[in-house]
Structure formats: C-alpha cells, structure tokens
C-alpha cells in the first residue's frame, strides 16, 4: 500500500479529526459493552421515546430525563455515545448544525433532529 507523504496542513487536521472521531466511537461502544444489558435496553428505549416526542433534542436531554426516572446507570457515561450512534444508524435521528452547552463535559452537545417525531395536528 502506498502512503501519501506530502499532505497539506488542512488534510492533516482533517485526518486527525477523523481518527479522534473513530477512537471516540470505539470508546463509547466499549463503555456500552461494559454496561449492564438492562441499562443498554432501557437507555435506547428512552432515546427513541424522546425522538418520538420531540423534534430536536440532545443526548444530554435524554440522559438527564433517564436519570430522573431510572436507577439504572452505565458503567461509564461514554456509553451514551453508543446509544446515540445506534439511533443514528437506525435513522431515528440525524445531526443538525446546532450545538448546545453540555452539563456533563467540557464539549458542546450536538442537537439531534428526530426522524420519527409524531406529527403535530393542526386545528
């Protein structure tokens, strides 16, 4: 396999971001795999329920509501990333270009647009 050795700074930073994203996805999946089966099932149900009820929301919204209503917890909060990735893969949500401040870490939360939100009736 031939490797390109002359890359621009822009190409380098794009590759670096892609690698960081893949590592983040891997760590999220590992965290979910190490969490209780019951938590994974209930967390996904909560995510889908939020997507059904709201047009836009963040994973943080789902997490906070879930923690108010359930005693189940993941082994590592990064597991919520795997729940979100599953919802994206199953076309429950898609990413918007909007970000909100996070209450749980130092990076902003992506705002998700529901692809299954119930239709609002007029009149």
N, C-alpha and C. Protein backbone atom coordinates (compact mmCIF):
# COMPACT_ATOMS: atom_id res chain seq x y z
N UNK A 1 0.85 -1.17 0.00
CA UNK A 1 0.00 0.00 0.00
C UNK A 1 0.89 1.24 0.00
N UNK A 2 0.60 2.14 -0.89
CA UNK A 2 1.37 3.38 -0.98
C UNK A 2 0.73 4.43 -0.07
N UNK A 3 1.56 5.15 0.63
CA UNK A 3 1.08 6.22 1.50
C UNK A 3 1.46 7.56 0.90
N UNK A 4 0.54 8.48 1.00
CA UNK A 4 0.81 9.83 0.52
C UNK A 4 1.66 10.52 1.58
N UNK A 5 2.80 11.02 1.18
CA UNK A 5 3.70 11.63 2.18
C UNK A 5 3.64 13.15 2.18
N UNK A 6 3.19 13.73 1.10
CA UNK A 6 3.08 15.19 1.04
C UNK A 6 1.62 15.58 1.19
N UNK A 7 1.23 15.87 2.41
CA UNK A 7 -0.15 16.29 2.63
C UNK A 7 -0.14 17.72 3.15
N UNK A 8 -1.22 18.39 2.91
CA UNK A 8 -1.34 19.77 3.38
C UNK A 8 -1.71 19.77 4.86
N UNK A 9 -1.54 20.92 5.48
CA UNK A 9 -1.96 21.05 6.88
C UNK A 9 -3.45 20.76 7.01
N UNK A 10 -4.22 21.24 6.05
CA UNK A 10 -5.67 21.03 6.08
C UNK A 10 -6.01 19.54 6.03
N UNK A 11 -5.32 18.80 5.17
CA UNK A 11 -5.54 17.36 5.07
C UNK A 11 -5.14 16.66 6.37
N UNK A 12 -4.01 17.10 6.95
CA UNK A 12 -3.56 16.51 8.21
C UNK A 12 -4.60 16.69 9.30
N UNK A 13 -5.10 17.91 9.48
CA UNK A 13 -6.07 18.18 10.55
C UNK A 13 -7.38 17.46 10.31
N UNK A 14 -7.78 17.32 9.06
CA UNK A 14 -9.00 16.57 8.75
C UNK A 14 -8.82 15.10 9.13
N UNK A 15 -7.65 14.53 8.80
CA UNK A 15 -7.38 13.14 9.17
C UNK A 15 -7.34 12.98 10.68
N UNK A 16 -6.72 13.94 11.37
CA UNK A 16 -6.63 13.86 12.82
C UNK A 16 -8.03 13.85 13.44
N UNK A 17 -8.92 14.71 12.95
CA UNK A 17 -10.29 14.76 13.47
C UNK A 17 -11.04 13.45 13.19
N UNK A 18 -10.82 12.88 12.02
CA UNK A 18 -11.45 11.61 11.68
C UNK A 18 -10.98 10.51 12.62
N UNK A 19 -9.70 10.48 12.89
CA UNK A 19 -9.14 9.46 13.80
C UNK A 19 -9.69 9.66 15.21
N UNK A 20 -9.74 10.90 15.68
CA UNK A 20 -10.30 11.18 17.00
C UNK A 20 -11.76 10.72 17.09
N UNK A 21 -12.51 10.94 16.02
CA UNK A 21 -13.91 10.53 16.00
C UNK A 21 -14.01 9.01 16.09
N UNK A 22 -13.21 8.29 15.32
CA UNK A 22 -13.25 6.83 15.35
C UNK A 22 -12.85 6.31 16.73
N UNK A 23 -11.86 6.91 17.34
CA UNK A 23 -11.46 6.49 18.69
C UNK A 23 -12.59 6.75 19.67
N UNK A 24 -13.23 7.91 19.55
CA UNK A 24 -14.36 8.23 20.43
C UNK A 24 -15.50 7.23 20.28
N UNK A 25 -15.81 6.87 19.04
CA UNK A 25 -16.87 5.88 18.80
C UNK A 25 -16.50 4.54 19.42
N UNK A 26 -15.24 4.16 19.26
CA UNK A 26 -14.78 2.88 19.82
C UNK A 26 -14.89 2.89 21.35
N UNK A 27 -14.45 3.98 21.99
CA UNK A 27 -14.53 4.07 23.45
C UNK A 27 -15.98 4.06 23.93
N UNK A 28 -16.87 4.73 23.18
CA UNK A 28 -18.28 4.74 23.54
C UNK A 28 -18.85 3.32 23.47
N UNK A 29 -18.51 2.59 22.41
CA UNK A 29 -19.01 1.23 22.27
C UNK A 29 -18.46 0.32 23.36
N UNK A 30 -17.19 0.48 23.69
CA UNK A 30 -16.60 -0.30 24.78
C UNK A 30 -17.34 -0.02 26.09
N UNK A 31 -17.62 1.25 26.35
CA UNK A 31 -18.33 1.63 27.58
C UNK A 31 -19.72 0.99 27.60
N UNK A 32 -20.41 1.00 26.47
CA UNK A 32 -21.74 0.38 26.40
C UNK A 32 -21.65 -1.13 26.59
N UNK A 33 -20.66 -1.74 25.95
CA UNK A 33 -20.49 -3.19 26.08
C UNK A 33 -20.22 -3.59 27.53
N UNK A 34 -19.59 -2.71 28.30
CA UNK A 34 -19.28 -2.99 29.70
C UNK A 34 -20.38 -2.55 30.66
N UNK A 35 -21.48 -2.02 30.12
CA UNK A 35 -22.62 -1.60 30.94
C UNK A 35 -23.64 -2.73 31.02
N UNK A 36 -24.49 -2.70 32.04
CA UNK A 36 -25.50 -3.77 32.17
C UNK A 36 -26.43 -3.83 30.95
N UNK A 37 -26.82 -5.05 30.58
CA UNK A 37 -27.74 -5.24 29.46
C UNK A 37 -29.03 -4.45 29.67
N UNK A 38 -29.53 -4.47 30.90
CA UNK A 38 -30.79 -3.76 31.20
C UNK A 38 -30.62 -2.26 30.94
N UNK A 39 -29.47 -1.71 31.31
CA UNK A 39 -29.25 -0.28 31.07
C UNK A 39 -29.26 0.00 29.57
N UNK A 40 -28.54 -0.80 28.77
CA UNK A 40 -28.47 -0.57 27.33
C UNK A 40 -29.87 -0.59 26.71
N UNK A 41 -30.69 -1.56 27.09
CA UNK A 41 -32.04 -1.68 26.53
C UNK A 41 -32.90 -0.49 26.93
N UNK A 42 -32.88 -0.14 28.20
CA UNK A 42 -33.72 0.96 28.69
C UNK A 42 -33.24 2.31 28.18
N UNK A 43 -31.93 2.50 28.08
CA UNK A 43 -31.39 3.77 27.59
C UNK A 43 -31.79 3.97 26.13
N UNK A 44 -31.74 2.92 25.33
CA UNK A 44 -32.14 3.05 23.93
C UNK A 44 -33.63 3.34 23.83
N UNK A 45 -34.43 2.66 24.63
CA UNK A 45 -35.88 2.95 24.63
C UNK A 45 -36.14 4.41 24.99
N UNK A 46 -35.41 4.92 25.97
CA UNK A 46 -35.58 6.31 26.38
C UNK A 46 -35.19 7.26 25.25
N UNK A 47 -34.12 6.94 24.53
CA UNK A 47 -33.68 7.77 23.42
C UNK A 47 -34.76 7.80 22.33
N UNK A 48 -35.28 6.64 21.98
CA UNK A 48 -36.31 6.56 20.94
C UNK A 48 -37.58 7.28 21.39
N UNK A 49 -37.94 7.14 22.65
CA UNK A 49 -39.13 7.82 23.17
C UNK A 49 -38.97 9.33 23.07
N UNK A 50 -37.78 9.85 23.40
CA UNK A 50 -37.52 11.28 23.28
C UNK A 50 -37.64 11.70 21.82
N UNK A 51 -37.12 10.90 20.92
CA UNK A 51 -37.19 11.22 19.49
C UNK A 51 -38.63 11.20 19.00
N UNK A 52 -39.45 10.37 19.58
CA UNK A 52 -40.85 10.32 19.18
C UNK A 52 -41.59 11.58 19.66
N UNK A 53 -41.22 12.05 20.86
CA UNK A 53 -41.93 13.17 21.48
C UNK A 53 -41.42 14.55 21.10
N UNK A 54 -40.16 14.65 20.67
CA UNK A 54 -39.58 15.96 20.41
C UNK A 54 -38.96 16.03 19.03
N UNK A 55 -39.06 17.19 18.43
CA UNK A 55 -38.46 17.39 17.10
C UNK A 55 -36.95 17.48 17.18
N UNK A 56 -36.42 18.19 18.19
CA UNK A 56 -34.98 18.35 18.38
C UNK A 56 -34.64 18.18 19.85
N UNK A 57 -33.46 17.65 20.11
CA UNK A 57 -33.01 17.42 21.48
C UNK A 57 -31.54 17.02 21.46
N UNK A 58 -30.93 16.94 22.63
CA UNK A 58 -29.54 16.47 22.74
C UNK A 58 -29.53 15.15 23.51
N UNK A 59 -28.42 14.45 23.40
CA UNK A 59 -28.26 13.23 24.20
C UNK A 59 -28.31 13.58 25.68
N UNK A 60 -27.81 14.78 26.03
CA UNK A 60 -27.88 15.22 27.42
C UNK A 60 -29.30 15.33 27.94
N UNK A 61 -30.23 15.78 27.08
CA UNK A 61 -31.64 15.83 27.48
C UNK A 61 -32.15 14.43 27.82
N UNK A 62 -31.81 13.47 26.96
CA UNK A 62 -32.24 12.09 27.18
C UNK A 62 -31.64 11.56 28.48
N UNK A 63 -30.36 11.79 28.66
CA UNK A 63 -29.65 11.28 29.83
C UNK A 63 -30.23 11.84 31.12
N UNK A 64 -30.46 13.16 31.16
CA UNK A 64 -31.00 13.76 32.39
C UNK A 64 -32.39 13.23 32.71
N UNK A 65 -33.25 13.11 31.70
CA UNK A 65 -34.60 12.57 31.93
C UNK A 65 -34.52 11.12 32.39
N UNK A 66 -33.64 10.36 31.74
CA UNK A 66 -33.48 8.95 32.10
C UNK A 66 -33.03 8.82 33.56
N UNK A 67 -32.07 9.63 33.97
CA UNK A 67 -31.55 9.56 35.33
C UNK A 67 -32.58 9.97 36.38
N UNK A 68 -33.53 10.82 36.00
CA UNK A 68 -34.62 11.20 36.90
C UNK A 68 -35.61 10.06 37.09
N UNK A 69 -35.76 9.23 36.06
CA UNK A 69 -36.80 8.20 36.06
C UNK A 69 -36.30 6.79 36.33
N UNK A 70 -35.00 6.57 36.29
CA UNK A 70 -34.47 5.22 36.43
C UNK A 70 -33.28 5.19 37.38
N UNK A 71 -33.13 4.07 38.03
CA UNK A 71 -31.95 3.88 38.88
C UNK A 71 -30.82 3.20 38.12
N UNK A 72 -31.08 2.73 36.92
CA UNK A 72 -30.05 2.08 36.11
C UNK A 72 -29.01 3.10 35.67
N UNK A 73 -27.75 2.69 35.68
CA UNK A 73 -26.66 3.57 35.24
C UNK A 73 -25.67 2.76 34.41
N UNK A 74 -25.04 3.43 33.43
CA UNK A 74 -23.99 2.73 32.68
C UNK A 74 -22.73 2.65 33.55
N UNK A 75 -21.83 1.78 33.17
CA UNK A 75 -20.56 1.73 33.88
C UNK A 75 -19.74 2.99 33.64
N UNK A 76 -19.95 3.63 32.50
CA UNK A 76 -19.20 4.81 32.07
C UNK A 76 -20.16 5.64 31.22
N UNK A 77 -20.27 6.92 31.50
CA UNK A 77 -21.22 7.76 30.77
C UNK A 77 -20.94 7.87 29.27
N UNK A 78 -19.72 7.50 28.84
CA UNK A 78 -19.45 7.49 27.40
C UNK A 78 -20.35 6.49 26.67
N UNK A 79 -20.94 5.57 27.41
CA UNK A 79 -21.85 4.60 26.81
C UNK A 79 -23.04 5.28 26.13
N UNK A 80 -23.40 6.47 26.58
CA UNK A 80 -24.48 7.21 25.92
C UNK A 80 -24.13 7.50 24.46
N UNK A 81 -22.85 7.63 24.16
CA UNK A 81 -22.43 7.84 22.78
C UNK A 81 -22.80 6.66 21.89
N UNK A 82 -22.69 5.46 22.42
CA UNK A 82 -23.05 4.27 21.64
C UNK A 82 -24.56 4.20 21.43
N UNK A 83 -25.32 4.64 22.42
CA UNK A 83 -26.78 4.68 22.27
C UNK A 83 -27.14 5.65 21.14
N UNK A 84 -26.48 6.81 21.15
CA UNK A 84 -26.74 7.82 20.11
C UNK A 84 -26.32 7.29 18.73
N UNK A 85 -25.16 6.66 18.64
CA UNK A 85 -24.70 6.12 17.36
C UNK A 85 -25.66 5.07 16.82
N UNK A 86 -26.23 4.26 17.70
CA UNK A 86 -27.22 3.27 17.26
C UNK A 86 -28.45 3.97 16.69
N UNK A 87 -28.90 5.04 17.35
CA UNK A 87 -30.07 5.77 16.88
C UNK A 87 -29.81 6.42 15.51
N UNK A 88 -28.59 6.90 15.31
CA UNK A 88 -28.23 7.46 14.00
C UNK A 88 -28.26 6.36 12.94
N UNK A 89 -27.63 5.24 13.25
CA UNK A 89 -27.56 4.12 12.31
C UNK A 89 -28.95 3.62 11.94
N UNK A 90 -29.87 3.62 12.91
CA UNK A 90 -31.22 3.12 12.67
C UNK A 90 -32.17 4.22 12.17
N UNK A 91 -31.59 5.37 11.83
CA UNK A 91 -32.33 6.51 11.25
C UNK A 91 -33.44 7.03 12.16
N UNK A 92 -33.16 7.02 13.46
CA UNK A 92 -34.08 7.60 14.44
C UNK A 92 -33.84 9.11 14.50
N UNK A 93 -32.57 9.50 14.41
CA UNK A 93 -32.19 10.92 14.45
C UNK A 93 -31.13 11.21 13.40
N UNK A 94 -30.96 12.50 13.13
CA UNK A 94 -29.83 12.95 12.32
C UNK A 94 -29.28 14.21 12.97
N UNK A 95 -28.01 14.46 12.73
CA UNK A 95 -27.33 15.61 13.32
C UNK A 95 -27.80 16.90 12.66
N UNK A 96 -27.97 17.92 13.48
CA UNK A 96 -28.20 19.26 12.95
C UNK A 96 -26.86 19.98 12.97
N UNK A 97 -26.84 21.22 12.59
CA UNK A 97 -25.61 22.01 12.68
C UNK A 97 -25.64 22.88 13.93
N UNK A 98 -26.49 22.52 14.88
CA UNK A 98 -26.65 23.29 16.12
C UNK A 98 -25.96 22.54 17.26
N UNK A 99 -25.34 23.31 18.15
CA UNK A 99 -24.67 22.77 19.33
C UNK A 99 -25.17 23.52 20.55
N UNK A 100 -25.28 22.83 21.68
CA UNK A 100 -25.68 23.44 22.95
C UNK A 100 -24.60 23.17 23.99
N UNK A 101 -24.46 24.07 24.97
CA UNK A 101 -23.52 23.79 26.05
C UNK A 101 -23.91 22.50 26.77
N UNK A 102 -22.92 21.76 27.17
CA UNK A 102 -23.16 20.50 27.86
C UNK A 102 -23.10 20.70 29.36
N UNK A 103 -23.91 19.95 30.06
CA UNK A 103 -23.84 19.97 31.51
C UNK A 103 -22.96 18.87 32.07
N UNK A 104 -22.47 17.97 31.19
CA UNK A 104 -21.75 16.81 31.69
C UNK A 104 -20.28 16.74 31.31
N UNK A 105 -19.86 17.53 30.36
CA UNK A 105 -18.45 17.52 29.96
C UNK A 105 -18.12 18.88 29.37
N UNK A 106 -16.92 19.06 28.96
CA UNK A 106 -16.45 20.38 28.52
C UNK A 106 -16.62 20.65 27.04
N UNK A 107 -17.33 19.77 26.35
CA UNK A 107 -17.58 19.97 24.92
C UNK A 107 -19.07 20.20 24.73
N UNK A 108 -19.45 20.95 23.72
CA UNK A 108 -20.88 21.16 23.49
C UNK A 108 -21.56 19.88 23.01
N UNK A 109 -22.87 19.79 23.24
CA UNK A 109 -23.67 18.66 22.79
C UNK A 109 -24.25 18.96 21.42
N UNK A 110 -24.20 17.98 20.54
CA UNK A 110 -24.88 18.10 19.24
C UNK A 110 -26.38 18.06 19.46
N UNK A 111 -27.09 18.85 18.70
CA UNK A 111 -28.54 18.81 18.72
C UNK A 111 -28.98 17.87 17.61
N UNK A 112 -29.84 16.91 17.97
CA UNK A 112 -30.32 15.91 17.03
C UNK A 112 -31.71 16.27 16.54
N UNK A 113 -31.98 16.02 15.28
CA UNK A 113 -33.32 16.19 14.72
C UNK A 113 -33.95 14.81 14.62
N UNK A 114 -35.15 14.68 15.20
CA UNK A 114 -35.85 13.42 15.16
C UNK A 114 -36.36 13.14 13.76
N UNK A 115 -36.24 11.90 13.35
CA UNK A 115 -36.79 11.45 12.08
C UNK A 115 -38.10 10.70 12.29
N UNK A 116 -38.52 10.57 13.57
CA UNK A 116 -39.74 9.80 13.88
C UNK A 116 -40.71 10.60 14.74
N UNK A 117 -40.45 11.87 14.95
CA UNK A 117 -41.33 12.67 15.82
C UNK A 117 -42.76 12.56 15.34
N UNK A 118 -43.66 12.43 16.30
CA UNK A 118 -45.08 12.32 15.93
C UNK A 118 -45.52 13.58 15.21
N UNK A 119 -46.40 13.42 14.27
CA UNK A 119 -46.91 14.55 13.50
C UNK A 119 -47.81 15.42 14.39
N UNK A 120 -47.60 16.72 14.35
CA UNK A 120 -48.44 17.65 15.09
C UNK A 120 -49.70 17.90 14.28
N UNK A 121 -50.84 17.78 14.90
CA UNK A 121 -52.10 18.02 14.21
C UNK A 121 -52.46 19.49 14.29
N UNK A 122 -52.89 20.05 13.18
CA UNK A 122 -53.32 21.45 13.14
C UNK A 122 -54.83 21.50 13.37
N UNK A 123 -55.25 22.55 14.10
CA UNK A 123 -56.69 22.77 14.29
C UNK A 123 -57.21 22.01 15.37
